[in-house]
C-alpha atoms as a PDB file:
ATOM      1  CA  UNK A   1     110.955 147.614 159.041  1.00  0.00           C
ATOM      2  CA  UNK A   2     113.248 150.369 158.087  1.00  0.00           C
ATOM      3  CA  UNK A   3     111.802 153.718 157.731  1.00  0.00           C
ATOM      4  CA  UNK A   4     114.426 156.450 156.939  1.00  0.00           C
ATOM      5  CA  UNK A   5     111.895 159.071 155.925  1.00  0.00           C
ATOM      6  CA  UNK A   6     107.948 158.878 157.043  1.00  0.00           C
ATOM      7  CA  UNK A   7     106.867 158.538 154.409  1.00  0.00           C
ATOM      8  CA  UNK A   8     109.375 159.051 151.611  1.00  0.00           C
ATOM      9  CA  UNK A   9     107.529 160.018 148.273  1.00  0.00           C
ATOM     10  CA  UNK A  10     108.252 161.504 144.848  1.00  0.00           C
ATOM     11  CA  UNK A  11     106.387 164.601 143.990  1.00  0.00           C
ATOM     12  CA  UNK A  12     102.524 164.041 143.500  1.00  0.00           C
ATOM     13  CA  UNK A  13     101.647 164.802 139.482  1.00  0.00           C
ATOM     14  CA  UNK A  14      98.419 165.910 139.076  1.00  0.00           C
ATOM     15  CA  UNK A  15      96.264 165.762 135.838  1.00  0.00           C
ATOM     16  CA  UNK A  16      92.407 166.012 135.048  1.00  0.00           C
ATOM     17  CA  UNK A  17      91.124 162.842 136.472  1.00  0.00           C
ATOM     18  CA  UNK A  18      94.433 161.369 137.934  1.00  0.00           C
ATOM     19  CA  UNK A  19      97.486 161.698 139.936  1.00  0.00           C
ATOM     20  CA  UNK A  20     100.317 159.770 140.818  1.00  0.00           C
ATOM     21  CA  UNK A  21     103.370 159.525 143.105  1.00  0.00           C
ATOM     22  CA  UNK A  22     106.246 157.193 144.062  1.00  0.00           C
ATOM     23  CA  UNK A  23     105.883 155.926 147.867  1.00  0.00           C
ATOM     24  CA  UNK A  24     107.953 154.067 150.226  1.00  0.00           C
ATOM     25  CA  UNK A  25     109.403 154.210 153.538  1.00  0.00           C
ATOM     26  CA  UNK A  26     106.065 154.065 155.658  1.00  0.00           C
ATOM     27  CA  UNK A  27     103.304 152.166 157.600  1.00  0.00           C
ATOM     28  CA  UNK A  28     100.366 154.503 156.941  1.00  0.00           C
ATOM     29  CA  UNK A  29      97.753 155.094 159.717  1.00  0.00           C
ATOM     30  CA  UNK A  30      94.070 153.970 158.750  1.00  0.00           C
ATOM     31  CA  UNK A  31      92.959 156.494 156.039  1.00  0.00           C
ATOM     32  CA  UNK A  32      90.628 156.866 153.011  1.00  0.00           C
ATOM     33  CA  UNK A  33      90.489 158.823 149.770  1.00  0.00           C
ATOM     34  CA  UNK A  34      87.739 160.388 147.797  1.00  0.00           C
ATOM     35  CA  UNK A  35      89.349 158.532 144.739  1.00  0.00           C
ATOM     36  CA  UNK A  36      89.893 155.346 143.466  1.00  0.00           C
ATOM     37  CA  UNK A  37      93.612 154.099 144.032  1.00  0.00           C
ATOM     38  CA  UNK A  38      95.920 151.466 141.859  1.00  0.00           C
ATOM     39  CA  UNK A  39      98.956 150.477 143.991  1.00  0.00           C
ATOM     40  CA  UNK A  40     101.855 148.982 141.999  1.00  0.00           C
ATOM     41  CA  UNK A  41     105.026 147.388 143.697  1.00  0.00           C
ATOM     42  CA  UNK A  42     108.026 148.040 141.612  1.00  0.00           C
ATOM     43  CA  UNK A  43     110.489 145.631 143.571  1.00  0.00           C
ATOM     44  CA  UNK A  44     109.053 143.091 145.577  1.00  0.00           C
ATOM     45  CA  UNK A  45     105.428 143.298 147.522  1.00  0.00           C
ATOM     46  CA  UNK A  46     103.481 145.449 149.993  1.00  0.00           C
ATOM     47  CA  UNK A  47     101.218 144.569 152.593  1.00  0.00           C
ATOM     48  CA  UNK A  48      97.577 145.870 153.229  1.00  0.00           C
ATOM     49  CA  UNK A  49      94.247 145.643 155.135  1.00  0.00           C
ATOM     50  CA  UNK A  50      91.066 147.478 155.335  1.00  0.00           C
ATOM     51  CA  UNK A  51      89.573 148.339 158.526  1.00  0.00           C
ATOM     52  CA  UNK A  52      88.770 145.437 160.858  1.00  0.00           C
ATOM     53  CA  UNK A  53      90.467 143.192 158.235  1.00  0.00           C
ATOM     54  CA  UNK A  54      93.597 141.071 158.220  1.00  0.00           C
ATOM     55  CA  UNK A  55      96.689 141.977 156.559  1.00  0.00           C
ATOM     56  CA  UNK A  56      97.437 140.520 152.973  1.00  0.00           C
ATOM     57  CA  UNK A  57     100.557 140.773 150.738  1.00  0.00           C
ATOM     58  CA  UNK A  58     100.091 142.098 147.240  1.00  0.00           C
ATOM     59  CA  UNK A  59     101.921 143.029 144.131  1.00  0.00           C
ATOM     60  CA  UNK A  60      99.083 144.891 142.552  1.00  0.00           C
ATOM     61  CA  UNK A  61      95.759 146.246 144.166  1.00  0.00           C
ATOM     62  CA  UNK A  62      92.837 148.593 143.099  1.00  0.00           C
ATOM     63  CA  UNK A  63      91.135 150.068 145.733  1.00  0.00           C
ATOM     64  CA  UNK A  64      87.463 151.745 145.770  1.00  0.00           C
ATOM     65  CA  UNK A  65      87.176 155.328 146.594  1.00  0.00           C
ATOM     66  CA  UNK A  66      86.381 156.065 150.379  1.00  0.00           C
ATOM     67  CA  UNK A  67      87.405 152.586 151.586  1.00  0.00           C
ATOM     68  CA  UNK A  68      89.257 152.864 155.006  1.00  0.00           C
ATOM     69  CA  UNK A  69      92.670 151.161 154.823  1.00  0.00           C
ATOM     70  CA  UNK A  70      96.267 150.734 155.817  1.00  0.00           C
ATOM     71  CA  UNK A  71      99.365 150.494 153.724  1.00  0.00           C
ATOM     72  CA  UNK A  72     102.555 148.908 154.755  1.00  0.00           C
ATOM     73  CA  UNK A  73     105.341 149.693 151.958  1.00  0.00           C
ATOM     74  CA  UNK A  74     106.978 146.468 153.483  1.00  0.00           C
ATOM     75  CA  UNK A  75     110.856 147.756 152.424  1.00  0.00           C
ATOM     76  CA  UNK A  76     109.820 148.070 149.005  1.00  0.00           C
ATOM     77  CA  UNK A  77     108.424 150.890 146.592  1.00  0.00           C
ATOM     78  CA  UNK A  78     105.042 151.507 145.185  1.00  0.00           C
ATOM     79  CA  UNK A  79     103.808 153.425 142.216  1.00  0.00           C
ATOM     80  CA  UNK A  80     100.613 154.923 143.479  1.00  0.00           C
ATOM     81  CA  UNK A  81      98.076 156.265 140.779  1.00  0.00           C
ATOM     82  CA  UNK A  82      94.948 158.013 142.082  1.00  0.00           C
ATOM     83  CA  UNK A  83      92.026 157.998 139.648  1.00  0.00           C
ATOM     84  CA  UNK A  84      88.553 159.860 139.624  1.00  0.00           C
ATOM     85  CA  UNK A  85      86.050 157.071 140.372  1.00  0.00           C
ATOM     86  CA  UNK A  86      83.457 158.585 137.939  1.00  0.00           C
ATOM     87  CA  UNK A  87      85.678 158.967 134.848  1.00  0.00           C
ATOM     88  CA  UNK A  88      85.395 156.879 132.083  1.00  0.00           C
ATOM     89  CA  UNK A  89      88.282 154.709 132.521  1.00  0.00           C
ATOM     90  CA  UNK A  90      87.338 154.471 136.418  1.00  0.00           C
ATOM     91  CA  UNK A  91      84.051 153.084 135.464  1.00  0.00           C
ATOM     92  CA  UNK A  92      85.648 150.624 133.157  1.00  0.00           C
ATOM     93  CA  UNK A  93      87.918 149.188 135.990  1.00  0.00           C
ATOM     94  CA  UNK A  94      85.216 148.971 138.314  1.00  0.00           C
ATOM     95  CA  UNK A  95      82.808 147.369 135.986  1.00  0.00           C
ATOM     96  CA  UNK A  96      85.858 145.000 135.162  1.00  0.00           C
ATOM     97  CA  UNK A  97      87.315 143.812 138.501  1.00  0.00           C
ATOM     98  CA  UNK A  98      86.023 145.832 141.441  1.00  0.00           C
ATOM     99  CA  UNK A  99      82.067 145.249 140.857  1.00  0.00           C
ATOM    100  CA  UNK A 100      80.796 145.294 144.430  1.00  0.00           C
ATOM    101  CA  UNK A 101      84.121 144.509 145.967  1.00  0.00           C
ATOM    102  CA  UNK A 102      86.332 147.400 148.227  1.00  0.00           C
ATOM    103  CA  UNK A 103      89.346 145.964 146.735  1.00  0.00           C
ATOM    104  CA  UNK A 104      90.329 143.809 143.648  1.00  0.00           C
ATOM    105  CA  UNK A 105      94.071 142.493 143.033  1.00  0.00           C
ATOM    106  CA  UNK A 106      94.509 142.180 139.345  1.00  0.00           C
ATOM    107  CA  UNK A 107      97.234 139.951 137.532  1.00  0.00           C
ATOM    108  CA  UNK A 108      99.280 142.854 136.699  1.00  0.00           C
ATOM    109  CA  UNK A 109     102.823 143.479 137.156  1.00  0.00           C
ATOM    110  CA  UNK A 110     104.203 146.762 136.606  1.00  0.00           C
ATOM    111  CA  UNK A 111     106.922 144.995 134.482  1.00  0.00           C
ATOM    112  CA  UNK A 112     104.197 143.571 132.207  1.00  0.00           C
ATOM    113  CA  UNK A 113     104.216 147.528 130.870  1.00  0.00           C
ATOM    114  CA  UNK A 114     107.244 149.138 131.295  1.00  0.00           C
ATOM    115  CA  UNK A 115     111.232 148.265 131.485  1.00  0.00           C
ATOM    116  CA  UNK A 116     113.375 149.200 134.253  1.00  0.00           C
ATOM    117  CA  UNK A 117     114.916 152.249 132.251  1.00  0.00           C
ATOM    118  CA  UNK A 118     111.385 153.740 131.603  1.00  0.00           C
ATOM    119  CA  UNK A 119     110.506 153.304 135.391  1.00  0.00           C
ATOM    120  CA  UNK A 120     113.660 154.823 136.653  1.00  0.00           C
ATOM    121  CA  UNK A 121     113.265 157.629 134.473  1.00  0.00           C
ATOM    122  CA  UNK A 122     109.776 158.279 135.699  1.00  0.00           C
ATOM    123  CA  UNK A 123     111.194 158.223 139.014  1.00  0.00           C
ATOM    124  CA  UNK A 124     114.506 160.266 138.717  1.00  0.00           C
ATOM    125  CA  UNK A 125     113.553 162.553 135.689  1.00  0.00           C
ATOM    126  CA  UNK A 126     109.681 162.898 135.813  1.00  0.00           C
ATOM    127  CA  UNK A 127     108.767 164.764 132.653  1.00  0.00           C
ATOM    128  CA  UNK A 128     104.966 165.068 133.019  1.00  0.00           C
ATOM    129  CA  UNK A 129     104.171 164.173 129.610  1.00  0.00           C
ATOM    130  CA  UNK A 130     106.164 160.900 129.869  1.00  0.00           C
ATOM    131  CA  UNK A 131     104.958 160.013 133.141  1.00  0.00           C
ATOM    132  CA  UNK A 132     101.536 160.658 131.830  1.00  0.00           C
ATOM    133  CA  UNK A 133     102.296 158.150 129.002  1.00  0.00           C
ATOM    134  CA  UNK A 134     103.483 155.473 131.382  1.00  0.00           C
ATOM    135  CA  UNK A 135     100.151 155.959 133.576  1.00  0.00           C
ATOM    136  CA  UNK A 136      97.945 155.592 130.492  1.00  0.00           C
ATOM    137  CA  UNK A 137      99.607 152.485 129.600  1.00  0.00           C
ATOM    138  CA  UNK A 138      99.024 151.100 133.110  1.00  0.00           C
ATOM    139  CA  UNK A 139      95.251 152.280 133.387  1.00  0.00           C
ATOM    140  CA  UNK A 140      94.609 151.301 129.493  1.00  0.00           C
ATOM    141  CA  UNK A 141      95.689 147.760 130.326  1.00  0.00           C
ATOM    142  CA  UNK A 142      94.039 147.403 133.594  1.00  0.00           C
ATOM    143  CA  UNK A 143      90.481 148.435 132.109  1.00  0.00           C
ATOM    144  CA  UNK A 144      90.916 146.299 129.093  1.00  0.00           C
ATOM    145  CA  UNK A 145      92.069 143.466 131.319  1.00  0.00           C
ATOM    146  CA  UNK A 146      95.127 142.440 129.257  1.00  0.00           C
ATOM    147  CA  UNK A 147      98.868 142.525 129.325  1.00  0.00           C
ATOM    148  CA  UNK A 148     100.746 143.889 126.588  1.00  0.00           C
ATOM    149  CA  UNK A 149     103.198 140.874 125.412  1.00  0.00           C
ATOM    150  CA  UNK A 150     106.434 141.479 124.098  1.00  0.00           C
ATOM    151  CA  UNK A 151     107.146 139.692 120.702  1.00  0.00           C
ATOM    152  CA  UNK A 152     108.793 136.907 122.220  1.00  0.00           C
ATOM    153  CA  UNK A 153     107.507 135.534 125.416  1.00  0.00           C
ATOM    154  CA  UNK A 154     110.909 134.358 126.822  1.00  0.00           C
ATOM    155  CA  UNK A 155     112.115 137.797 126.524  1.00  0.00           C
ATOM    156  CA  UNK A 156     109.127 139.115 128.439  1.00  0.00           C
ATOM    157  CA  UNK A 157     109.684 136.469 130.944  1.00  0.00           C
ATOM    158  CA  UNK A 158     113.704 137.436 131.128  1.00  0.00           C
ATOM    159  CA  UNK A 159     112.666 141.307 131.567  1.00  0.00           C
ATOM    160  CA  UNK A 160     110.370 140.404 134.535  1.00  0.00           C
ATOM    161  CA  UNK A 161     112.965 138.208 136.054  1.00  0.00           C
ATOM    162  CA  UNK A 162     115.638 140.666 135.827  1.00  0.00           C
ATOM    163  CA  UNK A 163     113.161 143.567 137.373  1.00  0.00           C
ATOM    164  CA  UNK A 164     112.326 141.232 140.552  1.00  0.00           C
ATOM    165  CA  UNK A 165     115.361 139.347 141.093  1.00  0.00           C
ATOM    166  CA  UNK A 166     117.779 140.594 143.512  1.00  0.00           C
ATOM    167  CA  UNK A 167     120.809 142.078 141.609  1.00  0.00           C
ATOM    168  CA  UNK A 168     123.193 139.639 143.203  1.00  0.00           C
ATOM    169  CA  UNK A 169     121.126 136.587 141.705  1.00  0.00           C
ATOM    170  CA  UNK A 170     121.278 138.037 138.231  1.00  0.00           C
ATOM    171  CA  UNK A 171     124.001 136.532 136.054  1.00  0.00           C
ATOM    172  CA  UNK A 172     123.952 135.689 132.298  1.00  0.00           C
ATOM    173  CA  UNK A 173     123.963 132.074 132.854  1.00  0.00           C
ATOM    174  CA  UNK A 174     121.148 131.929 135.122  1.00  0.00           C
ATOM    175  CA  UNK A 175     118.812 134.045 132.947  1.00  0.00           C
ATOM    176  CA  UNK A 176     119.927 131.831 129.941  1.00  0.00           C
ATOM    177  CA  UNK A 177     119.165 128.685 131.869  1.00  0.00           C
ATOM    178  CA  UNK A 178     115.633 129.891 132.866  1.00  0.00           C
ATOM    179  CA  UNK A 179     114.730 130.047 128.972  1.00  0.00           C
ATOM    180  CA  UNK A 180     116.693 127.117 127.780  1.00  0.00           C
ATOM    181  CA  UNK A 181     118.822 129.063 125.575  1.00  0.00           C
ATOM    182  CA  UNK A 182     122.846 129.527 125.196  1.00  0.00           C
ATOM    183  CA  UNK A 183     124.268 132.562 126.720  1.00  0.00           C
ATOM    184  CA  UNK A 184     125.166 134.067 123.423  1.00  0.00           C
ATOM    185  CA  UNK A 185     121.537 133.359 121.748  1.00  0.00           C
ATOM    186  CA  UNK A 186     120.016 135.201 125.126  1.00  0.00           C
ATOM    187  CA  UNK A 187     122.250 137.979 124.576  1.00  0.00           C
ATOM    188  CA  UNK A 188     121.428 138.502 120.689  1.00  0.00           C
ATOM    189  CA  UNK A 189     117.587 137.704 121.095  1.00  0.00           C
ATOM    190  CA  UNK A 190     117.354 140.450 123.966  1.00  0.00           C
ATOM    191  CA  UNK A 191     118.810 142.870 121.694  1.00  0.00           C
ATOM    192  CA  UNK A 192     116.824 141.957 118.679  1.00  0.00           C
ATOM    193  CA  UNK A 193     113.305 142.157 120.684  1.00  0.00           C
ATOM    194  CA  UNK A 194     114.214 145.118 122.588  1.00  0.00           C
ATOM    195  CA  UNK A 195     116.669 147.175 120.887  1.00  0.00           C
ATOM    196  CA  UNK A 196     118.658 147.168 124.330  1.00  0.00           C
ATOM    197  CA  UNK A 197     121.849 145.104 125.104  1.00  0.00           C
ATOM    198  CA  UNK A 198     121.046 142.719 128.093  1.00  0.00           C
ATOM    199  CA  UNK A 199     124.333 144.152 129.865  1.00  0.00           C
ATOM    200  CA  UNK A 200     122.679 147.550 129.882  1.00  0.00           C
ATOM    201  CA  UNK A 201     119.131 146.380 130.920  1.00  0.00           C
ATOM    202  CA  UNK A 202     120.929 144.603 134.131  1.00  0.00           C
ATOM    203  CA  UNK A 203     122.544 147.980 134.647  1.00  0.00           C
ATOM    204  CA  UNK A 204     119.541 149.813 134.723  1.00  0.00           C
ATOM    205  CA  UNK A 205     117.911 147.430 136.888  1.00  0.00           C
ATOM    206  CA  UNK A 206     120.649 147.603 139.473  1.00  0.00           C
ATOM    207  CA  UNK A 207     120.410 151.269 139.521  1.00  0.00           C
ATOM    208  CA  UNK A 208     116.607 151.210 140.128  1.00  0.00           C
ATOM    209  CA  UNK A 209     117.111 148.700 142.911  1.00  0.00           C
ATOM    210  CA  UNK A 210     119.503 151.210 144.640  1.00  0.00           C
ATOM    211  CA  UNK A 211     117.310 153.966 144.469  1.00  0.00           C
ATOM    212  CA  UNK A 212     114.371 151.875 145.767  1.00  0.00           C
ATOM    213  CA  UNK A 213     116.630 150.917 148.730  1.00  0.00           C
ATOM    214  CA  UNK A 214     117.036 154.539 149.195  1.00  0.00           C
ATOM    215  CA  UNK A 215     113.597 155.502 149.309  1.00  0.00           C
ATOM    216  CA  UNK A 216     113.131 152.467 151.720  1.00  0.00           C
ATOM    217  CA  UNK A 217     115.604 153.915 154.257  1.00  0.00           C
ATOM    218  CA  UNK A 218     119.031 153.098 153.110  1.00  0.00           C
ATOM    219  CA  UNK A 219     121.947 155.448 152.976  1.00  0.00           C
ATOM    220  CA  UNK A 220     123.372 155.809 149.591  1.00  0.00           C
ATOM    221  CA  UNK A 221     126.448 153.948 150.378  1.00  0.00           C
ATOM    222  CA  UNK A 222     124.235 151.141 151.819  1.00  0.00           C
ATOM    223  CA  UNK A 223     122.090 151.014 148.756  1.00  0.00           C
ATOM    224  CA  UNK A 224     125.205 150.996 146.353  1.00  0.00           C
ATOM    225  CA  UNK A 225     126.791 147.861 148.221  1.00  0.00           C
ATOM    226  CA  UNK A 226     123.483 146.232 148.614  1.00  0.00           C
ATOM    227  CA  UNK A 227     122.959 146.641 144.707  1.00  0.00           C
ATOM    228  CA  UNK A 228     126.055 145.215 143.902  1.00  0.00           C
ATOM    229  CA  UNK A 229     128.153 148.367 143.086  1.00  0.00           C
ATOM    230  CA  UNK A 230     131.869 148.629 144.248  1.00  0.00           C
ATOM    231  CA  UNK A 231     131.053 151.633 146.470  1.00  0.00           C
ATOM    232  CA  UNK A 232     128.582 154.652 146.619  1.00  0.00           C
ATOM    233  CA  UNK A 233     130.980 156.443 144.074  1.00  0.00           C
ATOM    234  CA  UNK A 234     130.737 153.648 141.249  1.00  0.00           C
ATOM    235  CA  UNK A 235     126.867 153.890 141.849  1.00  0.00           C
ATOM    236  CA  UNK A 236     127.217 157.647 141.312  1.00  0.00           C
ATOM    237  CA  UNK A 237     128.984 157.457 138.137  1.00  0.00           C
ATOM    238  CA  UNK A 238     126.797 154.775 136.728  1.00  0.00           C
ATOM    239  CA  UNK A 239     123.449 156.812 137.617  1.00  0.00           C
ATOM    240  CA  UNK A 240     124.709 159.968 136.327  1.00  0.00           C
ATOM    241  CA  UNK A 241     125.670 158.216 133.272  1.00  0.00           C
ATOM    242  CA  UNK A 242     122.399 156.293 132.647  1.00  0.00           C
ATOM    243  CA  UNK A 243     120.148 158.759 133.876  1.00  0.00           C
ATOM    244  CA  UNK A 244     121.864 162.174 134.041  1.00  0.00           C
ATOM    245  CA  UNK A 245     121.286 162.632 137.624  1.00  0.00           C
ATOM    246  CA  UNK A 246     123.260 161.844 140.851  1.00  0.00           C
ATOM    247  CA  UNK A 247     121.535 160.044 143.968  1.00  0.00           C
ATOM    248  CA  UNK A 248     122.284 163.096 145.937  1.00  0.00           C
ATOM    249  CA  UNK A 249     120.533 165.083 143.461  1.00  0.00           C
ATOM    250  CA  UNK A 250     117.501 162.480 143.201  1.00  0.00           C
ATOM    251  CA  UNK A 251     117.253 163.009 147.132  1.00  0.00           C
ATOM    252  CA  UNK A 252     117.273 166.815 146.923  1.00  0.00           C
ATOM    253  CA  UNK A 253     114.575 167.171 144.094  1.00  0.00           C
ATOM    254  CA  UNK A 254     112.135 164.937 145.875  1.00  0.00           C
ATOM    255  CA  UNK A 255     110.095 166.799 148.789  1.00  0.00           C
ATOM    256  CA  UNK A 256     107.373 165.169 150.653  1.00  0.00           C
ATOM    257  CA  UNK A 257     103.871 166.518 149.718  1.00  0.00           C
ATOM    258  CA  UNK A 258     105.090 168.425 146.945  1.00  0.00           C
ATOM    259  CA  UNK A 259     102.282 168.694 144.249  1.00  0.00           C
ATOM    260  CA  UNK A 260     103.006 169.381 140.534  1.00  0.00           C
ATOM    261  CA  UNK A 261     100.058 170.650 138.856  1.00  0.00           C
ATOM    262  CA  UNK A 262      99.740 169.372 135.049  1.00  0.00           C
ATOM    263  CA  UNK A 263      96.212 170.684 134.238  1.00  0.00           C
ATOM    264  CA  UNK A 264      94.129 173.612 134.542  1.00  0.00           C
ATOM    265  CA  UNK A 265      91.223 171.424 135.970  1.00  0.00           C
ATOM    266  CA  UNK A 266      93.380 168.778 138.016  1.00  0.00           C
ATOM    267  CA  UNK A 267      91.944 165.930 140.078  1.00  0.00           C
ATOM    268  CA  UNK A 268      90.309 166.932 143.360  1.00  0.00           C
ATOM    269  CA  UNK A 269      91.990 164.970 145.845  1.00  0.00           C
ATOM    270  CA  UNK A 270      91.188 164.583 149.550  1.00  0.00           C
ATOM    271  CA  UNK A 271      92.570 162.172 152.396  1.00  0.00           C
ATOM    272  CA  UNK A 272      90.779 161.389 155.657  1.00  0.00           C
ATOM    273  CA  UNK A 273      92.565 159.923 158.645  1.00  0.00           C
ATOM    274  CA  UNK A 274      90.836 157.645 161.287  1.00  0.00           C
ATOM    275  CA  UNK A 275      91.965 156.535 164.593  1.00  0.00           C
END
């Protein structure tokens, strides 16, 4: 496992009743939180176990408060949401999935709810109000035990495929074949449903993939090549053009354990570590 930083995190954004952080490049010690925890992978999957339990691999997971556990980011990047257990939405999630269990793995993929652009904006340019909107989408969907469907299931499938495939595997032909459409029809339908040209969505995903690789320990140049850019200069140019921030600017602005308080009465958050 490659750990360039231990761990690599974005800032922690803290509201009344909830907090969120992007997390990578870490195998944690056993620990617990006084809050509920929702872990959503943004690239592939992560590994997790409770104390005295076996490792499991997950795409999404809800963890009850005060459960001693260990997380392996698995060279991927997770969006982690901490939630007050006694809040209205916390109680709804408990009654809908956790019940008497310590953990619950919902059938929830982050890309059921947001696209690559929204997720990358939340990481690179985390304006608190927009980030809170994203978190509320996730929590609202989970508490209702529903996913938000696009107006055409084929396009929802394509969005999720692009967001989870390696950039080298993404081509117009391969995507069109997955939903039994011609390439021209897929381009037209994707734009009609999402309002975004397909080639731009694919580029957003390449940039997001490269950013995740940086968080997982790659150098900027390594991440650029792995994501399919010609070199780090090409990656730099596209990231600035699409998101207004360079890879080096992104690295500079993310400091471990930096908290941004977004409410006068923020969530009380405490972590305990165990041997």
